[in-house]
Amino acid sequence: LKCSRQLVFAPPLAALHSDGVSAAGLGGAARRIAVRPVLPALLAVLATLLCAAVGMLRASGSAAALAPLSLAFAGASPVRPVRGSQPPTLRQAGNVQQASATEFSLALESGMPVVVDFYADWCGPCKMLVPELEEVARRLQGKVKIIKIDSDAEPELASKYRIEALPTLLFFGANADKPLGKFEGALMRDDLEKLVEKTLFPA
């Protein structure tokens, strides 16, 4: 996996694709504007090196080495499937739900459209997307379910849906296991809401 180093501020739908088919833009071609690093230059270099190292580990199949690397950088624990005799339920974190592979399946069977954010704790753009997703989830509450999946904790899901860059958003219709669209990168909340509406509720 690699980090996306850009935020998309302009019409995002040109970057939306499903099975290799591009979607129409929101009034024009998408424009990507590189975001100036907000951290000191040294941290930016370290983050870049970390992304490259993680990608190399992922490519070589060194899953055992990958998890400690992510945890050492982020200081957080990966998501783990719910265990025990109780039926699994989606864990709520604000308006966006953190999900394991099992909980992801439950979400797809919920009867609501689902937006899935594949992320990693070491990914800077993923963190920038968090408040934008929270706001869109609040605006579309009761209409769309938005969940987050840690790609390090659920590598089989990431492989199944060909997650190659982070963050990646997948859009699923109600009770569907095949995504209607896919978007790589971060978006501001207004553009993100338009993308969700256009993809899941076309006119």
Protein backbone atom coordinates (compact mmCIF):
# COMPACT_ATOMS: atom_id res chain seq x y z
CA LEU A 1 0.00 0.00 0.00
CA LYS A 2 1.07 3.58 -0.54
CA CYS A 3 0.05 6.87 1.00
CA SER A 4 -1.91 9.34 -1.08
CA ARG A 5 -0.07 12.66 -0.82
CA GLN A 6 -2.83 14.85 -2.18
CA LEU A 7 -6.15 16.26 -1.14
CA VAL A 8 -8.75 16.73 -3.84
CA PHE A 9 -10.65 20.00 -3.54
CA ALA A 10 -12.33 20.09 -6.97
CA PRO A 11 -14.88 17.84 -8.69
CA PRO A 12 -13.99 14.34 -7.54
CA LEU A 13 -16.10 12.19 -9.83
CA ALA A 14 -13.55 12.08 -12.63
CA ALA A 15 -11.39 10.05 -10.23
CA LEU A 16 -14.27 7.75 -9.33
CA HIS A 17 -14.11 4.39 -11.03
CA SER A 18 -15.69 0.98 -10.86
CA ASP A 19 -14.28 -1.97 -12.79
CA GLY A 20 -12.11 0.45 -14.74
CA VAL A 21 -14.96 2.68 -15.95
CA SER A 22 -14.53 6.41 -15.26
CA ALA A 23 -17.50 8.43 -14.02
CA ALA A 24 -18.49 11.91 -15.17
CA GLY A 25 -17.06 14.84 -13.21
CA LEU A 26 -19.02 17.35 -11.21
CA GLY A 27 -18.87 20.03 -13.91
CA GLY A 28 -15.32 19.43 -15.11
CA ALA A 29 -12.13 17.45 -14.72
CA ALA A 30 -10.92 16.78 -11.22
CA ARG A 31 -8.05 18.92 -10.15
CA ARG A 32 -5.64 17.71 -7.57
CA ILE A 33 -3.87 20.31 -5.51
CA ALA A 34 -0.84 19.20 -3.61
CA VAL A 35 -1.10 20.02 0.05
CA ARG A 36 1.90 21.66 1.64
CA PRO A 37 3.20 19.57 4.57
CA VAL A 38 2.01 20.95 7.88
CA LEU A 39 4.65 19.08 9.84
CA PRO A 40 8.35 19.91 9.92
CA ALA A 41 10.32 18.78 6.93
CA LEU A 42 12.03 16.04 8.91
CA LEU A 43 8.72 14.43 9.86
CA ALA A 44 7.56 14.63 6.23
CA VAL A 45 10.68 12.77 5.12
CA LEU A 46 10.19 10.15 7.84
CA ALA A 47 6.56 9.67 6.84
CA THR A 48 7.56 9.18 3.19
CA LEU A 49 10.21 6.63 4.16
CA LEU A 50 7.70 4.83 6.37
CA CYS A 51 5.15 4.59 3.53
CA ALA A 52 7.83 3.18 1.25
CA ALA A 53 8.92 0.66 3.89
CA VAL A 54 5.35 -0.47 4.49
CA GLY A 55 4.79 -0.89 0.76
CA MET A 56 7.93 -3.03 0.49
CA LEU A 57 6.87 -5.16 3.44
CA ARG A 58 3.38 -5.58 1.98
CA ALA A 59 4.81 -6.58 -1.40
CA SER A 60 7.13 -9.15 0.20
CA GLY A 61 4.33 -10.62 2.28
CA SER A 62 6.00 -9.72 5.58
CA ALA A 63 2.74 -9.30 7.46
CA ALA A 64 4.34 -10.10 10.79
CA ALA A 65 6.79 -7.22 10.40
CA LEU A 66 4.17 -4.85 9.04
CA ALA A 67 1.92 -4.62 12.12
CA PRO A 68 4.69 -3.68 14.60
CA LEU A 69 5.92 -1.01 12.18
CA SER A 70 2.49 0.59 11.97
CA LEU A 71 1.99 0.43 15.73
CA ALA A 72 5.39 1.90 16.48
CA PHE A 73 4.59 4.94 14.32
CA ALA A 74 0.97 5.48 15.33
CA GLY A 75 1.03 4.23 18.92
CA ALA A 76 -2.34 2.50 18.43
CA SER A 77 -3.66 -1.03 18.30
CA PRO A 78 -5.10 -2.54 15.13
CA VAL A 79 -8.78 -3.39 14.87
CA ARG A 80 -9.51 -6.98 15.82
CA PRO A 81 -12.65 -9.04 15.16
CA VAL A 82 -15.11 -9.27 18.02
CA ARG A 83 -14.83 -12.59 19.85
CA GLY A 84 -17.10 -14.35 22.28
CA SER A 85 -20.57 -15.82 22.43
CA GLN A 86 -22.37 -12.52 21.83
CA PRO A 87 -23.38 -11.72 18.23
CA PRO A 88 -20.93 -9.24 16.65
CA THR A 89 -22.12 -5.66 16.41
CA LEU A 90 -20.67 -2.58 14.74
CA ARG A 91 -18.63 -0.47 17.11
CA GLN A 92 -19.63 3.17 17.07
CA ALA A 93 -16.97 5.90 17.07
CA GLY A 94 -18.80 9.18 16.55
CA ASN A 95 -20.86 9.01 13.36
CA VAL A 96 -18.39 6.69 11.63
CA GLN A 97 -18.25 3.04 12.66
CA GLN A 98 -15.00 1.12 13.08
CA ALA A 99 -15.44 -2.36 11.58
CA SER A 100 -13.70 -5.71 11.35
CA ALA A 101 -14.23 -8.09 8.42
CA THR A 102 -17.19 -9.69 10.18
CA GLU A 103 -18.74 -6.33 11.00
CA PHE A 104 -18.19 -5.20 7.42
CA SER A 105 -20.32 -8.15 6.24
CA LEU A 106 -23.03 -7.16 8.73
CA ALA A 107 -23.02 -3.61 7.38
CA LEU A 108 -23.48 -4.82 3.79
CA GLU A 109 -26.50 -6.87 4.94
CA SER A 110 -28.05 -3.97 6.86
CA GLY A 111 -30.25 -2.84 3.97
CA MET A 112 -28.56 0.56 3.75
CA PRO A 113 -25.98 1.87 1.26
CA VAL A 114 -22.48 1.68 2.74
CA VAL A 115 -19.37 3.83 2.30
CA VAL A 116 -16.15 2.12 3.42
CA ASP A 117 -12.97 4.02 4.25
CA PHE A 118 -9.85 1.84 4.04
CA TYR A 119 -7.13 3.52 6.10
CA ALA A 120 -3.99 2.94 8.18
CA ASP A 121 -2.80 4.63 11.35
CA TRP A 122 0.49 5.65 9.73
CA CYS A 123 -1.24 7.37 6.77
CA GLY A 124 -1.31 11.19 7.06
CA PRO A 125 -4.03 11.85 4.44
CA CYS A 126 -6.19 9.22 6.18
CA LYS A 127 -6.11 11.32 9.34
CA MET A 128 -7.01 14.45 7.37
CA LEU A 129 -10.08 12.62 6.05
CA VAL A 130 -11.41 11.71 9.52
CA PRO A 131 -13.27 14.98 10.35
CA GLU A 132 -14.61 15.22 6.79
CA LEU A 133 -16.07 11.71 6.99
CA GLU A 134 -17.54 12.43 10.42
CA GLU A 135 -19.35 15.49 9.11
CA VAL A 136 -20.69 13.72 6.03
CA ALA A 137 -21.86 10.82 8.19
CA ARG A 138 -23.72 13.32 10.39
CA ARG A 139 -25.35 14.98 7.37
CA LEU A 140 -26.42 11.66 5.84
CA GLN A 141 -27.36 9.91 9.06
CA GLY A 142 -30.15 7.39 8.49
CA LYS A 143 -29.51 7.43 4.75
CA VAL A 144 -25.99 6.02 4.42
CA LYS A 145 -23.83 3.91 6.73
CA ILE A 146 -20.16 4.96 6.82
CA ILE A 147 -17.56 2.59 8.24
CA LYS A 148 -13.77 2.50 8.57
CA ILE A 149 -11.56 -0.55 8.04
CA ASP A 150 -7.92 -0.73 9.10
CA SER A 151 -6.10 -2.17 6.08
CA ASP A 152 -3.27 -3.45 8.30
CA ALA A 153 -5.71 -5.36 10.53
CA GLU A 154 -7.76 -6.72 7.60
CA PRO A 155 -5.24 -7.46 4.81
CA GLU A 156 -7.50 -10.06 3.17
CA LEU A 157 -10.26 -7.50 2.67
CA ALA A 158 -7.77 -4.97 1.36
CA SER A 159 -6.49 -7.55 -1.12
CA LYS A 160 -10.00 -8.65 -2.15
CA TYR A 161 -11.00 -5.10 -3.08
CA ARG A 162 -7.58 -4.25 -4.58
CA ILE A 163 -6.74 -1.45 -2.17
CA GLU A 164 -3.50 -0.02 -3.53
CA ALA A 165 -3.44 3.49 -2.02
CA LEU A 166 -4.68 5.04 1.21
CA PRO A 167 -7.15 6.36 1.93
CA THR A 168 -9.49 4.52 -0.44
CA LEU A 169 -13.27 4.88 -0.36
CA LEU A 170 -15.58 2.14 -1.64
CA PHE A 171 -19.29 2.71 -2.30
CA PHE A 172 -21.79 -0.16 -1.93
CA GLY A 173 -25.49 -0.15 -2.72
CA ALA A 174 -27.99 -1.65 -0.26
CA ASN A 175 -27.38 -5.40 0.30
CA ALA A 176 -24.66 -5.48 -2.39
CA ASP A 177 -21.19 -6.99 -2.00
CA LYS A 178 -19.76 -5.46 -5.17
CA PRO A 179 -18.82 -1.77 -4.99
CA LEU A 180 -20.52 0.72 -7.27
CA GLY A 181 -17.49 2.98 -7.20
CA LYS A 182 -14.01 3.52 -5.80
CA PHE A 183 -12.12 6.70 -4.96
CA GLU A 184 -8.48 7.10 -3.87
CA GLY A 185 -7.42 10.15 -1.88
CA ALA A 186 -8.97 12.62 0.56
CA LEU A 187 -11.81 15.05 -0.09
CA MET A 188 -13.24 18.07 1.66
CA ARG A 189 -16.66 17.45 3.23
CA ASP A 190 -18.81 19.21 0.62
CA ASP A 191 -17.19 17.41 -2.31
CA LEU A 192 -17.30 14.15 -0.38
CA GLU A 193 -21.04 14.53 0.25
CA LYS A 194 -21.63 15.23 -3.47
CA LEU A 195 -19.59 12.16 -4.37
CA VAL A 196 -21.63 9.94 -2.05
CA GLU A 197 -24.93 11.32 -3.34
CA LYS A 198 -23.90 11.04 -7.01
CA THR A 199 -22.60 7.48 -6.62
CA LEU A 200 -25.24 5.93 -4.37
CA PHE A 201 -28.29 8.02 -5.29
CA PRO A 202 -27.95 8.91 -8.99
CA ALA A 203 -30.73 11.11 -10.36
